[in-house]
Amino acid sequence: MKYEMSGGIMEKGKSGKTKHNKNFKELRNKGKRHDNDKIIEEVNEINEEKSTKFLDAINKYANEQKDEIMNEANEIKEKELKRAENEVLNDMYRLIQSEINAVSYTHL
């Protein structure tokens, strides 16, 4: 008669006592536990490295996007300032022309 257990199979012996098969004993072995802990540590380190690299890539992309947006915003700002400056200069020119015309008509 066999009983399923996590990590191995138990068999009932002739004496009626339960004995563990070889696979179960190997899993219970202290060396195996140590190996499993070591594997888990290595996997965690790999996951940590991958996570760090992934986050670094995301941060790099985000910074590139931020810089691109800031550059575009600065270009728009410069264009708007130039347009506003030209508009003010045109308004001043028209005002000066109208003043010159007004003075010219009053002296006639």
PDB file of N, CA and C in Angstrom:
ATOM      1  N   MET A   1       0.851  -1.172   0.000  1.00  0.00           N
ATOM      2  CA  MET A   1       0.000   0.000   0.000  1.00  0.00           C
ATOM      3  C   MET A   1       0.898   1.237   0.000  1.00  0.00           C
ATOM      4  N   LYS A   2       0.562   2.211  -0.847  1.00  0.00           N
ATOM      5  CA  LYS A   2       1.361   3.428  -0.947  1.00  0.00           C
ATOM      6  C   LYS A   2       0.517   4.627  -0.569  1.00  0.00           C
ATOM      7  N   TYR A   3       1.127   5.602   0.090  1.00  0.00           N
ATOM      8  CA  TYR A   3       0.474   6.850   0.470  1.00  0.00           C
ATOM      9  C   TYR A   3       1.212   7.992  -0.218  1.00  0.00           C
ATOM     10  N   GLU A   4       0.474   8.867  -0.838  1.00  0.00           N
ATOM     11  CA  GLU A   4       1.086  10.035  -1.481  1.00  0.00           C
ATOM     12  C   GLU A   4       1.383  11.086  -0.422  1.00  0.00           C
ATOM     13  N   MET A   5       2.560  11.680  -0.523  1.00  0.00           N
ATOM     14  CA  MET A   5       2.944  12.793   0.354  1.00  0.00           C
ATOM     15  C   MET A   5       3.627  13.850  -0.488  1.00  0.00           C
ATOM     16  N   SER A   6       3.658  15.055   0.002  1.00  0.00           N
ATOM     17  CA  SER A   6       4.376  16.092  -0.743  1.00  0.00           C
ATOM     18  C   SER A   6       5.858  15.760  -0.727  1.00  0.00           C
ATOM     19  N   GLY A   7       6.425  15.650  -1.917  1.00  0.00           N
ATOM     20  CA  GLY A   7       7.849  15.406  -2.019  1.00  0.00           C
ATOM     21  C   GLY A   7       8.237  13.940  -2.080  1.00  0.00           C
ATOM     22  N   GLY A   8       7.335  13.005  -1.938  1.00  0.00           N
ATOM     23  CA  GLY A   8       7.724  11.599  -2.012  1.00  0.00           C
ATOM     24  C   GLY A   8       6.553  10.677  -1.741  1.00  0.00           C
ATOM     25  N   ILE A   9       6.839   9.374  -1.687  1.00  0.00           N
ATOM     26  CA  ILE A   9       5.805   8.371  -1.462  1.00  0.00           C
ATOM     27  C   ILE A   9       6.173   7.580  -0.213  1.00  0.00           C
ATOM     28  N   MET A  10       5.193   7.336   0.614  1.00  0.00           N
ATOM     29  CA  MET A  10       5.412   6.504   1.803  1.00  0.00           C
ATOM     30  C   MET A  10       4.825   5.130   1.524  1.00  0.00           C
ATOM     31  N   GLU A  11       5.500   4.117   1.988  1.00  0.00           N
ATOM     32  CA  GLU A  11       4.999   2.754   1.828  1.00  0.00           C
ATOM     33  C   GLU A  11       4.792   2.138   3.197  1.00  0.00           C
ATOM     34  N   LYS A  12       3.782   1.299   3.289  1.00  0.00           N
ATOM     35  CA  LYS A  12       3.532   0.596   4.541  1.00  0.00           C
ATOM     36  C   LYS A  12       4.302  -0.718   4.486  1.00  0.00           C
ATOM     37  N   GLY A  13       5.176  -0.936   5.448  1.00  0.00           N
ATOM     38  CA  GLY A  13       6.018  -2.127   5.484  1.00  0.00           C
ATOM     39  C   GLY A  13       5.299  -3.331   6.084  1.00  0.00           C
ATOM     40  N   LYS A  14       6.016  -4.471   6.159  1.00  0.00           N
ATOM     41  CA  LYS A  14       5.438  -5.720   6.681  1.00  0.00           C
ATOM     42  C   LYS A  14       5.046  -5.588   8.145  1.00  0.00           C
ATOM     43  N   SER A  15       5.779  -4.796   8.897  1.00  0.00           N
ATOM     44  CA  SER A  15       5.495  -4.680  10.324  1.00  0.00           C
ATOM     45  C   SER A  15       4.296  -3.770  10.590  1.00  0.00           C
ATOM     46  N   GLY A  16       3.778  -3.153   9.539  1.00  0.00           N
ATOM     47  CA  GLY A  16       2.655  -2.240   9.718  1.00  0.00           C
ATOM     48  C   GLY A  16       3.109  -0.813   9.940  1.00  0.00           C
ATOM     49  N   LYS A  17       4.405  -0.635  10.111  1.00  0.00           N
ATOM     50  CA  LYS A  17       4.928   0.716  10.282  1.00  0.00           C
ATOM     51  C   LYS A  17       5.162   1.333   8.909  1.00  0.00           C
ATOM     52  N   THR A  18       5.070   2.650   8.850  1.00  0.00           N
ATOM     53  CA  THR A  18       5.269   3.362   7.595  1.00  0.00           C
ATOM     54  C   THR A  18       6.757   3.600   7.405  1.00  0.00           C
ATOM     55  N   LYS A  19       7.260   3.311   6.214  1.00  0.00           N
ATOM     56  CA  LYS A  19       8.650   3.615   5.913  1.00  0.00           C
ATOM     57  C   LYS A  19       8.687   4.538   4.694  1.00  0.00           C
ATOM     58  N   HIS A  20       9.678   5.355   4.644  1.00  0.00           N
ATOM     59  CA  HIS A  20       9.811   6.308   3.557  1.00  0.00           C
ATOM     60  C   HIS A  20      10.617   5.691   2.430  1.00  0.00           C
ATOM     61  N   ASN A  21      10.212   5.993   1.209  1.00  0.00           N
ATOM     62  CA  ASN A  21      11.027   5.500   0.097  1.00  0.00           C
ATOM     63  C   ASN A  21      12.242   6.390  -0.080  1.00  0.00           C
ATOM     64  N   LYS A  22      13.103   6.030  -0.991  1.00  0.00           N
ATOM     65  CA  LYS A  22      14.383   6.697  -1.181  1.00  0.00           C
ATOM     66  C   LYS A  22      14.210   8.172  -1.567  1.00  0.00           C
ATOM     67  N   ASN A  23      13.245   8.491  -2.447  1.00  0.00           N
ATOM     68  CA  ASN A  23      13.045   9.870  -2.877  1.00  0.00           C
ATOM     69  C   ASN A  23      12.674  10.773  -1.701  1.00  0.00           C
ATOM     70  N   PHE A  24      11.809  10.288  -0.856  1.00  0.00           N
ATOM     71  CA  PHE A  24      11.373  11.100   0.285  1.00  0.00           C
ATOM     72  C   PHE A  24      12.544  11.352   1.223  1.00  0.00           C
ATOM     73  N   LYS A  25      13.368  10.305   1.450  1.00  0.00           N
ATOM     74  CA  LYS A  25      14.530  10.459   2.321  1.00  0.00           C
ATOM     75  C   LYS A  25      15.495  11.486   1.750  1.00  0.00           C
ATOM     76  N   GLU A  26      15.679  11.474   0.441  1.00  0.00           N
ATOM     77  CA  GLU A  26      16.583  12.436  -0.184  1.00  0.00           C
ATOM     78  C   GLU A  26      16.087  13.865   0.010  1.00  0.00           C
ATOM     79  N   LEU A  27      14.778  14.063  -0.090  1.00  0.00           N
ATOM     80  CA  LEU A  27      14.228  15.406   0.101  1.00  0.00           C
ATOM     81  C   LEU A  27      14.382  15.874   1.539  1.00  0.00           C
ATOM     82  N   ARG A  28      14.347  14.940   2.459  1.00  0.00           N
ATOM     83  CA  ARG A  28      14.471  15.287   3.866  1.00  0.00           C
ATOM     84  C   ARG A  28      15.929  15.496   4.273  1.00  0.00           C
ATOM     85  N   ASN A  29      16.809  15.072   3.436  1.00  0.00           N
ATOM     86  CA  ASN A  29      18.233  15.166   3.717  1.00  0.00           C
ATOM     87  C   ASN A  29      18.627  16.626   3.933  1.00  0.00           C
ATOM     88  N   LYS A  30      19.417  16.841   4.960  1.00  0.00           N
ATOM     89  CA  LYS A  30      19.840  18.199   5.290  1.00  0.00           C
ATOM     90  C   LYS A  30      20.595  18.850   4.135  1.00  0.00           C
ATOM     91  N   GLY A  31      21.402  18.088   3.436  1.00  0.00           N
ATOM     92  CA  GLY A  31      22.132  18.603   2.291  1.00  0.00           C
ATOM     93  C   GLY A  31      21.187  19.082   1.212  1.00  0.00           C
ATOM     94  N   LYS A  32      20.100  18.356   1.000  1.00  0.00           N
ATOM     95  CA  LYS A  32      19.109  18.754  -0.002  1.00  0.00           C
ATOM     96  C   LYS A  32      18.460  20.064   0.394  1.00  0.00           C
ATOM     97  N   ARG A  33      18.153  20.176   1.679  1.00  0.00           N
ATOM     98  CA  ARG A  33      17.555  21.430   2.143  1.00  0.00           C
ATOM     99  C   ARG A  33      18.508  22.582   1.891  1.00  0.00           C
ATOM    100  N   HIS A  34      19.773  22.323   2.196  1.00  0.00           N
ATOM    101  CA  HIS A  34      20.778  23.357   1.981  1.00  0.00           C
ATOM    102  C   HIS A  34      20.856  23.704   0.493  1.00  0.00           C
ATOM    103  N   ASP A  35      20.851  22.683  -0.363  1.00  0.00           N
ATOM    104  CA  ASP A  35      20.885  22.920  -1.806  1.00  0.00           C
ATOM    105  C   ASP A  35      19.654  23.689  -2.256  1.00  0.00           C
ATOM    106  N   ASN A  36      18.501  23.315  -1.739  1.00  0.00           N
ATOM    107  CA  ASN A  36      17.265  24.020  -2.106  1.00  0.00           C
ATOM    108  C   ASN A  36      17.308  25.472  -1.651  1.00  0.00           C
ATOM    109  N   ASP A  37      17.804  25.703  -0.452  1.00  0.00           N
ATOM    110  CA  ASP A  37      17.926  27.079   0.035  1.00  0.00           C
ATOM    111  C   ASP A  37      18.887  27.873  -0.842  1.00  0.00           C
ATOM    112  N   LYS A  38      19.964  27.218  -1.237  1.00  0.00           N
ATOM    113  CA  LYS A  38      20.941  27.874  -2.098  1.00  0.00           C
ATOM    114  C   LYS A  38      20.318  28.201  -3.456  1.00  0.00           C
ATOM    115  N   ILE A  39      19.562  27.269  -4.005  1.00  0.00           N
ATOM    116  CA  ILE A  39      18.882  27.495  -5.288  1.00  0.00           C
ATOM    117  C   ILE A  39      17.890  28.645  -5.161  1.00  0.00           C
ATOM    118  N   ILE A  40      17.144  28.648  -4.075  1.00  0.00           N
ATOM    119  CA  ILE A  40      16.167  29.717  -3.852  1.00  0.00           C
ATOM    120  C   ILE A  40      16.874  31.064  -3.753  1.00  0.00           C
ATOM    121  N   GLU A  41      18.005  31.107  -3.047  1.00  0.00           N
ATOM    122  CA  GLU A  41      18.772  32.349  -2.952  1.00  0.00           C
ATOM    123  C   GLU A  41      19.245  32.810  -4.320  1.00  0.00           C
ATOM    124  N   GLU A  42      19.756  31.869  -5.124  1.00  0.00           N
ATOM    125  CA  GLU A  42      20.236  32.212  -6.461  1.00  0.00           C
ATOM    126  C   GLU A  42      19.100  32.729  -7.333  1.00  0.00           C
ATOM    127  N   VAL A  43      17.940  32.074  -7.252  1.00  0.00           N
ATOM    128  CA  VAL A  43      16.780  32.515  -8.028  1.00  0.00           C
ATOM    129  C   VAL A  43      16.356  33.908  -7.575  1.00  0.00           C
ATOM    130  N   ASN A  44      16.355  34.134  -6.273  1.00  0.00           N
ATOM    131  CA  ASN A  44      15.990  35.461  -5.757  1.00  0.00           C
ATOM    132  C   ASN A  44      16.972  36.528  -6.227  1.00  0.00           C
ATOM    133  N   GLU A  45      18.272  36.186  -6.240  1.00  0.00           N
ATOM    134  CA  GLU A  45      19.268  37.136  -6.727  1.00  0.00           C
ATOM    135  C   GLU A  45      19.059  37.445  -8.205  1.00  0.00           C
ATOM    136  N   ILE A  46      18.780  36.403  -8.979  1.00  0.00           N
ATOM    137  CA  ILE A  46      18.526  36.597 -10.408  1.00  0.00           C
ATOM    138  C   ILE A  46      17.289  37.466 -10.604  1.00  0.00           C
ATOM    139  N   ASN A  47      16.229  37.168  -9.854  1.00  0.00           N
ATOM    140  CA  ASN A  47      15.009  37.969  -9.953  1.00  0.00           C
ATOM    141  C   ASN A  47      15.272  39.415  -9.549  1.00  0.00           C
ATOM    142  N   GLU A  48      16.090  39.587  -8.516  1.00  0.00           N
ATOM    143  CA  GLU A  48      16.438  40.936  -8.059  1.00  0.00           C
ATOM    144  C   GLU A  48      17.187  41.691  -9.158  1.00  0.00           C
ATOM    145  N   GLU A  49      18.159  40.999  -9.791  1.00  0.00           N
ATOM    146  CA  GLU A  49      18.914  41.626 -10.876  1.00  0.00           C
ATOM    147  C   GLU A  49      18.003  41.990 -12.034  1.00  0.00           C
ATOM    148  N   LYS A  50      17.121  41.057 -12.407  1.00  0.00           N
ATOM    149  CA  LYS A  50      16.207  41.317 -13.517  1.00  0.00           C
ATOM    150  C   LYS A  50      15.272  42.469 -13.177  1.00  0.00           C
ATOM    151  N   SER A  51      14.773  42.488 -11.955  1.00  0.00           N
ATOM    152  CA  SER A  51      13.884  43.574 -11.535  1.00  0.00           C
ATOM    153  C   SER A  51      14.612  44.909 -11.570  1.00  0.00           C
ATOM    154  N   THR A  52      15.844  44.917 -11.086  1.00  0.00           N
ATOM    155  CA  THR A  52      16.632  46.140 -11.078  1.00  0.00           C
ATOM    156  C   THR A  52      16.884  46.623 -12.501  1.00  0.00           C
ATOM    157  N   LYS A  53      17.271  45.698 -13.374  1.00  0.00           N
ATOM    158  CA  LYS A  53      17.506  46.072 -14.772  1.00  0.00           C
ATOM    159  C   LYS A  53      16.229  46.593 -15.424  1.00  0.00           C
ATOM    160  N   PHE A  54      15.101  45.936 -15.136  1.00  0.00           N
ATOM    161  CA  PHE A  54      13.823  46.352 -15.698  1.00  0.00           C
ATOM    162  C   PHE A  54      13.453  47.752 -15.210  1.00  0.00           C
ATOM    163  N   LEU A  55      13.601  47.985 -13.907  1.00  0.00           N
ATOM    164  CA  LEU A  55      13.281  49.305 -13.349  1.00  0.00           C
ATOM    165  C   LEU A  55      14.233  50.368 -13.887  1.00  0.00           C
ATOM    166  N   ASP A  56      15.503  50.014 -14.040  1.00  0.00           N
ATOM    167  CA  ASP A  56      16.461  50.957 -14.623  1.00  0.00           C
ATOM    168  C   ASP A  56      16.068  51.324 -16.050  1.00  0.00           C
ATOM    169  N   ALA A  57      15.638  50.321 -16.814  1.00  0.00           N
ATOM    170  CA  ALA A  57      15.211  50.578 -18.198  1.00  0.00           C
ATOM    171  C   ALA A  57      13.977  51.479 -18.215  1.00  0.00           C
ATOM    172  N   ILE A  58      13.045  51.226 -17.318  1.00  0.00           N
ATOM    173  CA  ILE A  58      11.836  52.058 -17.239  1.00  0.00           C
ATOM    174  C   ILE A  58      12.215  53.490 -16.869  1.00  0.00           C
ATOM    175  N   ASN A  59      13.101  53.643 -15.876  1.00  0.00           N
ATOM    176  CA  ASN A  59      13.525  54.984 -15.462  1.00  0.00           C
ATOM    177  C   ASN A  59      14.251  55.710 -16.587  1.00  0.00           C
ATOM    178  N   LYS A  60      15.102  54.983 -17.310  1.00  0.00           N
ATOM    179  CA  LYS A  60      15.816  55.592 -18.431  1.00  0.00           C
ATOM    180  C   LYS A  60      14.821  56.074 -19.486  1.00  0.00           C
ATOM    181  N   TYR A  61      13.855  55.236 -19.827  1.00  0.00           N
ATOM    182  CA  TYR A  61      12.842  55.601 -20.820  1.00  0.00           C
ATOM    183  C   TYR A  61      12.022  56.796 -20.331  1.00  0.00           C
ATOM    184  N   ALA A  62      11.640  56.771 -19.054  1.00  0.00           N
ATOM    185  CA  ALA A  62      10.843  57.873 -18.492  1.00  0.00           C
ATOM    186  C   ALA A  62      11.632  59.181 -18.542  1.00  0.00           C
ATOM    187  N   ASN A  63      12.911  59.123 -18.213  1.00  0.00           N
ATOM    188  CA  ASN A  63      13.744  60.333 -18.267  1.00  0.00           C
ATOM    189  C   ASN A  63      13.905  60.833 -19.696  1.00  0.00           C
ATOM    190  N   GLU A  64      14.061  59.911 -20.639  1.00  0.00           N
ATOM    191  CA  GLU A  64      14.157  60.318 -22.047  1.00  0.00           C
ATOM    192  C   GLU A  64      12.864  60.990 -22.496  1.00  0.00           C
ATOM    193  N   GLN A  65      11.732  60.410 -22.109  1.00  0.00           N
ATOM    194  CA  GLN A  65      10.439  60.991 -22.465  1.00  0.00           C
ATOM    195  C   GLN A  65      10.263  62.358 -21.816  1.00  0.00           C
ATOM    196  N   LYS A  66      10.672  62.477 -20.538  1.00  0.00           N
ATOM    197  CA  LYS A  66      10.573  63.761 -19.830  1.00  0.00           C
ATOM    198  C   LYS A  66      11.412  64.818 -20.539  1.00  0.00           C
ATOM    199  N   ASP A  67      12.655  64.444 -20.909  1.00  0.00           N
ATOM    200  CA  ASP A  67      13.526  65.394 -21.601  1.00  0.00           C
ATOM    201  C   ASP A  67      12.933  65.811 -22.937  1.00  0.00           C
ATOM    202  N   GLU A  68      12.365  64.848 -23.658  1.00  0.00           N
ATOM    203  CA  GLU A  68      11.750  65.157 -24.949  1.00  0.00           C
ATOM    204  C   GLU A  68      10.563  66.112 -24.773  1.00  0.00           C
ATOM    205  N   ILE A  69       9.746  65.858 -23.785  1.00  0.00           N
ATOM    206  CA  ILE A  69       8.587  66.718 -23.515  1.00  0.00           C
ATOM    207  C   ILE A  69       9.049  68.117 -23.102  1.00  0.00           C
ATOM    208  N   MET A  70      10.076  68.173 -22.238  1.00  0.00           N
ATOM    209  CA  MET A  70      10.591  69.482 -21.810  1.00  0.00           C
ATOM    210  C   MET A  70      11.157  70.259 -22.999  1.00  0.00           C
ATOM    211  N   ASN A  71      11.868  69.574 -23.897  1.00  0.00           N
ATOM    212  CA  ASN A  71      12.402  70.242 -25.087  1.00  0.00           C
ATOM    213  C   ASN A  71      11.280  70.772 -25.974  1.00  0.00           C
ATOM    214  N   GLU A  72      10.252  69.951 -26.167  1.00  0.00           N
ATOM    215  CA  GLU A  72       9.109  70.389 -26.972  1.00  0.00           C
ATOM    216  C   GLU A  72       8.414  71.578 -26.316  1.00  0.00           C
ATOM    217  N   ALA A  73       8.255  71.519 -24.998  1.00  0.00           N
ATOM    218  CA  ALA A  73       7.613  72.628 -24.276  1.00  0.00           C
ATOM    219  C   ALA A  73       8.437  73.906 -24.413  1.00  0.00           C
ATOM    220  N   ASN A  74       9.750  73.780 -24.315  1.00  0.00           N
ATOM    221  CA  ASN A  74      10.618  74.958 -24.472  1.00  0.00           C
ATOM    222  C   ASN A  74      10.541  75.520 -25.890  1.00  0.00           C
ATOM    223  N   GLU A  75      10.490  74.641 -26.887  1.00  0.00           N
ATOM    224  CA  GLU A  75      10.353  75.104 -28.273  1.00  0.00           C
ATOM    225  C   GLU A  75       9.037  75.851 -28.466  1.00  0.00           C
ATOM    226  N   ILE A  76       7.963  75.310 -27.925  1.00  0.00           N
ATOM    227  CA  ILE A  76       6.655  75.972 -28.032  1.00  0.00           C
ATOM    228  C   ILE A  76       6.695  77.322 -27.316  1.00  0.00           C
ATOM    229  N   LYS A  77       7.298  77.342 -26.140  1.00  0.00           N
ATOM    230  CA  LYS A  77       7.406  78.583 -25.372  1.00  0.00           C
ATOM    231  C   LYS A  77       8.177  79.635 -26.162  1.00  0.00           C
ATOM    232  N   GLU A  78       9.308  79.237 -26.766  1.00  0.00           N
ATOM    233  CA  GLU A  78      10.106  80.170 -27.563  1.00  0.00           C
ATOM    234  C   GLU A  78       9.308  80.694 -28.757  1.00  0.00           C
ATOM    235  N   LYS A  79       8.575  79.808 -29.434  1.00  0.00           N
ATOM    236  CA  LYS A  79       7.763  80.226 -30.586  1.00  0.00           C
ATOM    237  C   LYS A  79       6.685  81.213 -30.154  1.00  0.00           C
ATOM    238  N   GLU A  80       6.037  80.917 -29.034  1.00  0.00           N
ATOM    239  CA  GLU A  80       4.979  81.797 -28.539  1.00  0.00           C
ATOM    240  C   GLU A  80       5.548  83.157 -28.117  1.00  0.00           C
ATOM    241  N   LEU A  81       6.695  83.149 -27.466  1.00  0.00           N
ATOM    242  CA  LEU A  81       7.318  84.419 -27.080  1.00  0.00           C
ATOM    243  C   LEU A  81       7.709  85.230 -28.311  1.00  0.00           C
ATOM    244  N   LYS A  82       8.258  84.560 -29.312  1.00  0.00           N
ATOM    245  CA  LYS A  82       8.639  85.241 -30.555  1.00  0.00           C
ATOM    246  C   LYS A  82       7.400  85.820 -31.241  1.00  0.00           C
ATOM    247  N   ARG A  83       6.317  85.019 -31.279  1.00  0.00           N
ATOM    248  CA  ARG A  83       5.076  85.492 -31.895  1.00  0.00           C
ATOM    249  C   ARG A  83       4.533  86.697 -31.135  1.00  0.00           C
ATOM    250  N   ALA A  84       4.549  86.618 -29.793  1.00  0.00           N
ATOM    251  CA  ALA A  84       4.054  87.732 -28.984  1.00  0.00           C
ATOM    252  C   ALA A  84       4.934  88.972 -29.177  1.00  0.00           C
ATOM    253  N   GLU A  85       6.235  88.776 -29.253  1.00  0.00           N
ATOM    254  CA  GLU A  85       7.147  89.896 -29.479  1.00  0.00           C
ATOM    255  C   GLU A  85       6.866  90.552 -30.832  1.00  0.00           C
ATOM    256  N   ASN A  86       6.687  89.748 -31.866  1.00  0.00           N
ATOM    257  CA  ASN A  86       6.373  90.285 -33.193  1.00  0.00           C
ATOM    258  C   ASN A  86       5.034  91.021 -33.191  1.00  0.00           C
ATOM    259  N   GLU A  87       4.070  90.484 -32.477  1.00  0.00           N
ATOM    260  CA  GLU A  87       2.756  91.125 -32.396  1.00  0.00           C
ATOM    261  C   GLU A  87       2.867  92.495 -31.717  1.00  0.00           C
ATOM    262  N   VAL A  88       3.631  92.572 -30.635  1.00  0.00           N
ATOM    263  CA  VAL A  88       3.830  93.839 -29.928  1.00  0.00           C
ATOM    264  C   VAL A  88       4.560  94.828 -30.833  1.00  0.00           C
ATOM    265  N   LEU A  89       5.591  94.364 -31.533  1.00  0.00           N
ATOM    266  CA  LEU A  89       6.326  95.256 -32.446  1.00  0.00           C
ATOM    267  C   LEU A  89       5.415  95.776 -33.549  1.00  0.00           C
ATOM    268  N   ASN A  90       4.572  94.912 -34.097  1.00  0.00           N
ATOM    269  CA  ASN A  90       3.625  95.349 -35.136  1.00  0.00           C
ATOM    270  C   ASN A  90       2.631  96.359 -34.584  1.00  0.00           C
ATOM    271  N   ASP A  91       2.132  96.106 -33.363  1.00  0.00           N
ATOM    272  CA  ASP A  91       1.199  97.046 -32.737  1.00  0.00           C
ATOM    273  C   ASP A  91       1.883  98.402 -32.501  1.00  0.00           C
ATOM    274  N   MET A  92       3.127  98.362 -32.046  1.00  0.00           N
ATOM    275  CA  MET A  92       3.866  99.602 -31.812  1.00  0.00           C
ATOM    276  C   MET A  92       4.087 100.343 -33.136  1.00  0.00           C
ATOM    277  N   TYR A  93       4.423  99.628 -34.169  1.00  0.00           N
ATOM    278  CA  TYR A  93       4.631 100.248 -35.486  1.00  0.00           C
ATOM    279  C   TYR A  93       3.346 100.925 -35.962  1.00  0.00           C
ATOM    280  N   ARG A  94       2.196 100.207 -35.822  1.00  0.00           N
ATOM    281  CA  ARG A  94       0.922 100.801 -36.240  1.00  0.00           C
ATOM    282  C   ARG A  94       0.574 102.032 -35.410  1.00  0.00           C
ATOM    283  N   LEU A  95       0.861 101.956 -34.106  1.00  0.00           N
ATOM    284  CA  LEU A  95       0.588 103.089 -33.225  1.00  0.00           C
ATOM    285  C   LEU A  95       1.454 104.293 -33.621  1.00  0.00           C
ATOM    286  N   ILE A  96       2.714 104.033 -33.866  1.00  0.00           N
ATOM    287  CA  ILE A  96       3.612 105.119 -34.284  1.00  0.00           C
ATOM    288  C   ILE A  96       3.152 105.708 -35.619  1.00  0.00           C
ATOM    289  N   GLN A  97       2.765 104.831 -36.565  1.00  0.00           N
ATOM    290  CA  GLN A  97       2.286 105.304 -37.866  1.00  0.00           C
ATOM    291  C   GLN A  97       1.031 106.149 -37.703  1.00  0.00           C
ATOM    292  N   SER A  98       0.125 105.689 -36.833  1.00  0.00           N
ATOM    293  CA  SER A  98      -1.107 106.478 -36.648  1.00  0.00           C
ATOM    294  C   SER A  98      -0.795 107.819 -35.989  1.00  0.00           C
ATOM    295  N   GLU A  99       0.146 107.885 -35.090  1.00  0.00           N
ATOM    296  CA  GLU A  99       0.551 109.149 -34.454  1.00  0.00           C
ATOM    297  C   GLU A  99       1.210 110.071 -35.487  1.00  0.00           C
ATOM    298  N   ILE A 100       2.068 109.489 -36.333  1.00  0.00           N
ATOM    299  CA  ILE A 100       2.707 110.296 -37.384  1.00  0.00           C
ATOM    300  C   ILE A 100       1.654 110.850 -38.326  1.00  0.00           C
ATOM    301  N   ASN A 101       0.698 110.028 -38.718  1.00  0.00           N
ATOM    302  CA  ASN A 101      -0.373 110.466 -39.612  1.00  0.00           C
ATOM    303  C   ASN A 101      -1.223 111.547 -38.943  1.00  0.00           C
ATOM    304  N   ALA A 102      -1.497 111.379 -37.658  1.00  0.00           N
ATOM    305  CA  ALA A 102      -2.299 112.367 -36.939  1.00  0.00           C
ATOM    306  C   ALA A 102      -1.561 113.708 -36.892  1.00  0.00           C
ATOM    307  N   VAL A 103      -0.272 113.678 -36.652  1.00  0.00           N
ATOM    308  CA  VAL A 103       0.517 114.911 -36.588  1.00  0.00           C
ATOM    309  C   VAL A 103       0.579 115.536 -37.992  1.00  0.00           C
ATOM    310  N   SER A 104       0.710 114.711 -38.998  1.00  0.00           N
ATOM    311  CA  SER A 104       0.793 115.213 -40.371  1.00  0.00           C
ATOM    312  C   SER A 104      -0.501 115.898 -40.778  1.00  0.00           C
ATOM    313  N   TYR A 105      -1.663 115.379 -40.385  1.00  0.00           N
ATOM    314  CA  TYR A 105      -2.945 115.967 -40.762  1.00  0.00           C
ATOM    315  C   TYR A 105      -3.199 117.260 -39.989  1.00  0.00           C
ATOM    316  N   THR A 106      -2.725 117.363 -38.795  1.00  0.00           N
ATOM    317  CA  THR A 106      -2.981 118.572 -38.012  1.00  0.00           C
ATOM    318  C   THR A 106      -2.136 119.742 -38.487  1.00  0.00           C
ATOM    319  N   HIS A 107      -1.028 119.490 -39.134  1.00  0.00           N
ATOM    320  CA  HIS A 107      -0.169 120.560 -39.637  1.00  0.00           C
ATOM    321  C   HIS A 107      -0.538 120.993 -41.030  1.00  0.00           C
ATOM    322  N   LEU A 108      -1.452 120.382 -41.646  1.00  0.00           N
ATOM    323  CA  LEU A 108      -1.857 120.783 -42.990  1.00  0.00           C
ATOM    324  C   LEU A 108      -2.752 121.951 -42.994  1.00  0.00           C
TER     325      LEU A 108
END
